[in-house]
Amino acid sequence: MAAIEIRTATPSDSEYVCSLALMLLSELYPEMYSLDQLKPVVARILTQSNDVVAFIAMHDDQAIGLITVNRCTAIYAFGDFGEISELYVDPKFRSSGLGARLLQKAVGHAEAQGWSMLEVGAPDVPKWQRTVDFYVANEFSIVGPRLYRLITDK
């Protein structure tokens, strides 16, 4: 079995990032997103944003994992901090430690940037309790629910 490589995604990885993001979003919000919707967004993020980094996990030339991290700023965080927007591991590789390895890449990036913390919004419990337990097992603390308000309908 070939080793799993985790690396920073580049614009040439747009298709991989797009397909992994779609798999994640399809689990969370069935039938709400399409590949055609995501392609221009992923291309723009990977080519134009200095505030977002994506790491992809590759195995035998197949993309099997993704984590995206954004730079944010807040007074309570004493300045810049990171936010994990997407974390996805192919179901065949779950419980293998790959999710923790992707998180470690995000933590290393946050440390290199001098950020004070990483945040993540976990999906609803009890349906996604396993996801929340994963983050807690990886040294995240629960601080409460996350809310959002749509500004545009894209």
C-alpha atoms as a PDB file:
ATOM      1  CA  MET A   1       0.000   0.000   0.000  1.00  0.00           C
ATOM      2  CA  ALA A   2       1.388   3.381  -1.017  1.00  0.00           C
ATOM      3  CA  ALA A   3       1.998   6.038   1.583  1.00  0.00           C
ATOM      4  CA  ILE A   4      -0.439   8.886   2.038  1.00  0.00           C
ATOM      5  CA  GLU A   5       1.056  12.258   1.143  1.00  0.00           C
ATOM      6  CA  ILE A   6      -0.398  15.472   2.549  1.00  0.00           C
ATOM      7  CA  ARG A   7       0.594  18.634   0.721  1.00  0.00           C
ATOM      8  CA  THR A   8      -0.475  22.195   0.138  1.00  0.00           C
ATOM      9  CA  ALA A   9      -3.002  22.405  -2.690  1.00  0.00           C
ATOM     10  CA  THR A  10      -2.064  24.526  -5.696  1.00  0.00           C
ATOM     11  CA  PRO A  11      -4.256  25.903  -8.489  1.00  0.00           C
ATOM     12  CA  SER A  12      -3.509  22.752 -10.487  1.00  0.00           C
ATOM     13  CA  ASP A  13      -5.229  20.752  -7.708  1.00  0.00           C
ATOM     14  CA  SER A  14      -8.512  22.581  -8.244  1.00  0.00           C
ATOM     15  CA  GLU A  15     -10.343  19.460  -9.481  1.00  0.00           C
ATOM     16  CA  TYR A  16      -9.230  17.444  -6.443  1.00  0.00           C
ATOM     17  CA  VAL A  17     -10.210  20.179  -3.991  1.00  0.00           C
ATOM     18  CA  CYS A  18     -13.522  20.688  -5.740  1.00  0.00           C
ATOM     19  CA  SER A  19     -14.465  17.002  -5.689  1.00  0.00           C
ATOM     20  CA  LEU A  20     -13.487  16.555  -2.032  1.00  0.00           C
ATOM     21  CA  ALA A  21     -15.389  19.701  -1.009  1.00  0.00           C
ATOM     22  CA  LEU A  22     -18.443  18.458  -2.904  1.00  0.00           C
ATOM     23  CA  MET A  23     -18.279  15.087  -1.113  1.00  0.00           C
ATOM     24  CA  LEU A  24     -18.157  16.884   2.243  1.00  0.00           C
ATOM     25  CA  LEU A  25     -20.977  19.267   1.405  1.00  0.00           C
ATOM     26  CA  SER A  26     -23.090  16.428  -0.008  1.00  0.00           C
ATOM     27  CA  GLU A  27     -22.852  14.622   3.336  1.00  0.00           C
ATOM     28  CA  LEU A  28     -23.855  17.734   5.259  1.00  0.00           C
ATOM     29  CA  TYR A  29     -26.376  19.253   2.835  1.00  0.00           C
ATOM     30  CA  PRO A  30     -27.616  16.625   0.358  1.00  0.00           C
ATOM     31  CA  GLU A  31     -28.474  18.005  -3.091  1.00  0.00           C
ATOM     32  CA  MET A  32     -27.663  21.621  -2.146  1.00  0.00           C
ATOM     33  CA  TYR A  33     -24.341  21.973  -3.999  1.00  0.00           C
ATOM     34  CA  SER A  34     -23.101  20.966  -7.442  1.00  0.00           C
ATOM     35  CA  LEU A  35     -19.689  20.604  -9.029  1.00  0.00           C
ATOM     36  CA  ASP A  36     -20.518  23.436 -11.440  1.00  0.00           C
ATOM     37  CA  GLN A  37     -21.251  25.784  -8.510  1.00  0.00           C
ATOM     38  CA  LEU A  38     -18.036  24.909  -6.714  1.00  0.00           C
ATOM     39  CA  LYS A  39     -15.544  24.957  -9.606  1.00  0.00           C
ATOM     40  CA  PRO A  40     -15.258  28.760  -9.969  1.00  0.00           C
ATOM     41  CA  VAL A  41     -15.181  29.248  -6.203  1.00  0.00           C
ATOM     42  CA  VAL A  42     -12.378  26.731  -5.695  1.00  0.00           C
ATOM     43  CA  ALA A  43     -10.401  28.132  -8.630  1.00  0.00           C
ATOM     44  CA  ARG A  44     -10.702  31.664  -7.240  1.00  0.00           C
ATOM     45  CA  ILE A  45      -9.727  30.619  -3.725  1.00  0.00           C
ATOM     46  CA  LEU A  46      -6.684  28.648  -4.867  1.00  0.00           C
ATOM     47  CA  THR A  47      -5.426  31.369  -7.213  1.00  0.00           C
ATOM     48  CA  GLN A  48      -6.404  34.677  -5.632  1.00  0.00           C
ATOM     49  CA  SER A  49      -6.609  34.285  -1.879  1.00  0.00           C
ATOM     50  CA  ASN A  50      -3.614  34.781   0.385  1.00  0.00           C
ATOM     51  CA  ASP A  51      -5.846  34.253   3.402  1.00  0.00           C
ATOM     52  CA  VAL A  52      -6.845  30.656   2.635  1.00  0.00           C
ATOM     53  CA  VAL A  53      -4.716  27.534   2.431  1.00  0.00           C
ATOM     54  CA  ALA A  54      -5.897  24.064   1.471  1.00  0.00           C
ATOM     55  CA  PHE A  55      -4.079  20.843   2.234  1.00  0.00           C
ATOM     56  CA  ILE A  56      -4.949  17.678   0.323  1.00  0.00           C
ATOM     57  CA  ALA A  57      -4.170  14.072   1.147  1.00  0.00           C
ATOM     58  CA  MET A  58      -3.210  11.893  -1.811  1.00  0.00           C
ATOM     59  CA  HIS A  59      -3.035   8.102  -2.022  1.00  0.00           C
ATOM     60  CA  ASP A  60      -2.215   6.268  -5.262  1.00  0.00           C
ATOM     61  CA  ASP A  61      -2.936   9.425  -7.299  1.00  0.00           C
ATOM     62  CA  GLN A  62      -6.364   9.733  -5.655  1.00  0.00           C
ATOM     63  CA  ALA A  63      -7.427  12.676  -3.482  1.00  0.00           C
ATOM     64  CA  ILE A  64      -8.703  11.212  -0.206  1.00  0.00           C
ATOM     65  CA  GLY A  65      -8.671  14.121   2.245  1.00  0.00           C
ATOM     66  CA  LEU A  66      -8.968  17.886   2.456  1.00  0.00           C
ATOM     67  CA  ILE A  67      -8.646  20.610   5.046  1.00  0.00           C
ATOM     68  CA  THR A  68      -9.013  24.344   4.387  1.00  0.00           C
ATOM     69  CA  VAL A  69      -7.890  27.047   6.794  1.00  0.00           C
ATOM     70  CA  ASN A  70      -8.689  30.778   6.652  1.00  0.00           C
ATOM     71  CA  ARG A  71      -6.989  33.701   8.326  1.00  0.00           C
ATOM     72  CA  CYS A  72      -9.396  35.650  10.508  1.00  0.00           C
ATOM     73  CA  THR A  73      -8.918  38.542  12.920  1.00  0.00           C
ATOM     74  CA  ALA A  74     -10.663  39.295  16.209  1.00  0.00           C
ATOM     75  CA  ILE A  75     -10.008  41.181  19.405  1.00  0.00           C
ATOM     76  CA  TYR A  76     -10.880  38.156  21.565  1.00  0.00           C
ATOM     77  CA  ALA A  77      -8.158  36.214  19.718  1.00  0.00           C
ATOM     78  CA  PHE A  78      -5.610  39.004  20.219  1.00  0.00           C
ATOM     79  CA  GLY A  79      -5.379  39.520  16.468  1.00  0.00           C
ATOM     80  CA  ASP A  80      -5.059  36.902  13.759  1.00  0.00           C
ATOM     81  CA  PHE A  81      -6.293  33.342  14.175  1.00  0.00           C
ATOM     82  CA  GLY A  82      -7.268  30.492  11.883  1.00  0.00           C
ATOM     83  CA  GLU A  83     -10.611  28.992  11.062  1.00  0.00           C
ATOM     84  CA  ILE A  84     -11.020  25.531   9.614  1.00  0.00           C
ATOM     85  CA  SER A  85     -13.727  25.783   6.982  1.00  0.00           C
ATOM     86  CA  GLU A  86     -13.666  22.302   5.516  1.00  0.00           C
ATOM     87  CA  LEU A  87     -12.298  18.991   6.720  1.00  0.00           C
ATOM     88  CA  TYR A  88     -13.113  15.862   4.773  1.00  0.00           C
ATOM     89  CA  VAL A  89     -11.719  12.334   4.760  1.00  0.00           C
ATOM     90  CA  ASP A  90     -12.855   9.702   2.269  1.00  0.00           C
ATOM     91  CA  PRO A  91     -15.009   7.188   4.196  1.00  0.00           C
ATOM     92  CA  LYS A  92     -12.588   4.340   3.337  1.00  0.00           C
ATOM     93  CA  PHE A  93      -9.842   6.187   5.235  1.00  0.00           C
ATOM     94  CA  ARG A  94     -11.795   7.337   8.284  1.00  0.00           C
ATOM     95  CA  SER A  95     -10.572   6.107  11.663  1.00  0.00           C
ATOM     96  CA  SER A  96      -7.106   5.658  10.131  1.00  0.00           C
ATOM     97  CA  GLY A  97      -5.570   8.779  11.693  1.00  0.00           C
ATOM     98  CA  LEU A  98      -5.752  10.762   8.448  1.00  0.00           C
ATOM     99  CA  GLY A  99      -8.121  13.370   9.903  1.00  0.00           C
ATOM    100  CA  ALA A 100      -5.708  13.972  12.778  1.00  0.00           C
ATOM    101  CA  ARG A 101      -2.827  14.277  10.290  1.00  0.00           C
ATOM    102  CA  LEU A 102      -4.772  16.881   8.303  1.00  0.00           C
ATOM    103  CA  LEU A 103      -5.511  18.766  11.533  1.00  0.00           C
ATOM    104  CA  GLN A 104      -1.799  18.670  12.385  1.00  0.00           C
ATOM    105  CA  LYS A 105      -1.032  20.309   9.027  1.00  0.00           C
ATOM    106  CA  ALA A 106      -3.493  23.076   9.905  1.00  0.00           C
ATOM    107  CA  VAL A 107      -1.953  23.480  13.364  1.00  0.00           C
ATOM    108  CA  GLY A 108       1.534  23.678  11.855  1.00  0.00           C
ATOM    109  CA  HIS A 109       0.341  26.330   9.405  1.00  0.00           C
ATOM    110  CA  ALA A 110      -1.277  28.307  12.240  1.00  0.00           C
ATOM    111  CA  GLU A 111       1.938  28.159  14.251  1.00  0.00           C
ATOM    112  CA  ALA A 112       4.005  29.290  11.261  1.00  0.00           C
ATOM    113  CA  GLN A 113       1.631  32.235  10.752  1.00  0.00           C
ATOM    114  CA  GLY A 114       1.868  33.224  14.427  1.00  0.00           C
ATOM    115  CA  TRP A 115      -1.880  32.802  14.947  1.00  0.00           C
ATOM    116  CA  SER A 116      -3.215  32.575  18.477  1.00  0.00           C
ATOM    117  CA  MET A 117      -5.710  29.752  17.857  1.00  0.00           C
ATOM    118  CA  LEU A 118      -7.689  27.652  15.415  1.00  0.00           C
ATOM    119  CA  GLU A 119     -11.477  27.524  15.426  1.00  0.00           C
ATOM    120  CA  VAL A 120     -13.888  25.181  13.698  1.00  0.00           C
ATOM    121  CA  GLY A 121     -17.654  25.073  13.398  1.00  0.00           C
ATOM    122  CA  ALA A 122     -18.830  21.508  13.930  1.00  0.00           C
ATOM    123  CA  PRO A 123     -22.099  20.213  12.490  1.00  0.00           C
ATOM    124  CA  ASP A 124     -25.192  19.587  14.603  1.00  0.00           C
ATOM    125  CA  VAL A 125     -25.245  16.969  17.311  1.00  0.00           C
ATOM    126  CA  PRO A 126     -26.422  14.331  17.960  1.00  0.00           C
ATOM    127  CA  LYS A 127     -26.291  13.380  14.261  1.00  0.00           C
ATOM    128  CA  TRP A 128     -22.647  14.482  13.961  1.00  0.00           C
ATOM    129  CA  GLN A 129     -21.522  13.668  17.515  1.00  0.00           C
ATOM    130  CA  ARG A 130     -18.646  11.592  16.161  1.00  0.00           C
ATOM    131  CA  THR A 131     -17.288  14.709  14.423  1.00  0.00           C
ATOM    132  CA  VAL A 132     -17.466  16.771  17.615  1.00  0.00           C
ATOM    133  CA  ASP A 133     -15.794  13.938  19.553  1.00  0.00           C
ATOM    134  CA  PHE A 134     -13.008  13.859  16.940  1.00  0.00           C
ATOM    135  CA  TYR A 135     -12.247  17.560  17.429  1.00  0.00           C
ATOM    136  CA  VAL A 136     -12.357  17.273  21.233  1.00  0.00           C
ATOM    137  CA  ALA A 137      -9.984  14.290  21.053  1.00  0.00           C
ATOM    138  CA  ASN A 138      -7.663  16.540  19.029  1.00  0.00           C
ATOM    139  CA  GLU A 139      -7.479  19.256  21.701  1.00  0.00           C
ATOM    140  CA  PHE A 140     -10.361  21.500  20.583  1.00  0.00           C
ATOM    141  CA  SER A 141     -12.720  22.928  23.212  1.00  0.00           C
ATOM    142  CA  ILE A 142     -16.465  23.286  22.831  1.00  0.00           C
ATOM    143  CA  VAL A 143     -17.571  26.916  23.136  1.00  0.00           C
ATOM    144  CA  GLY A 144     -21.121  26.807  21.813  1.00  0.00           C
ATOM    145  CA  PRO A 145     -23.188  26.725  18.654  1.00  0.00           C
ATOM    146  CA  ARG A 146     -22.227  28.541  15.499  1.00  0.00           C
ATOM    147  CA  LEU A 147     -24.796  30.690  13.730  1.00  0.00           C
ATOM    148  CA  TYR A 148     -24.868  32.256  10.277  1.00  0.00           C
ATOM    149  CA  ARG A 149     -26.886  34.678   8.209  1.00  0.00           C
ATOM    150  CA  LEU A 150     -26.941  34.542   4.420  1.00  0.00           C
ATOM    151  CA  ILE A 151     -26.059  37.846   2.757  1.00  0.00           C
ATOM    152  CA  THR A 152     -26.229  36.654  -0.843  1.00  0.00           C
ATOM    153  CA  ASP A 153     -27.919  33.672  -2.407  1.00  0.00           C
ATOM    154  CA  LYS A 154     -25.167  31.957  -4.448  1.00  0.00           C
END
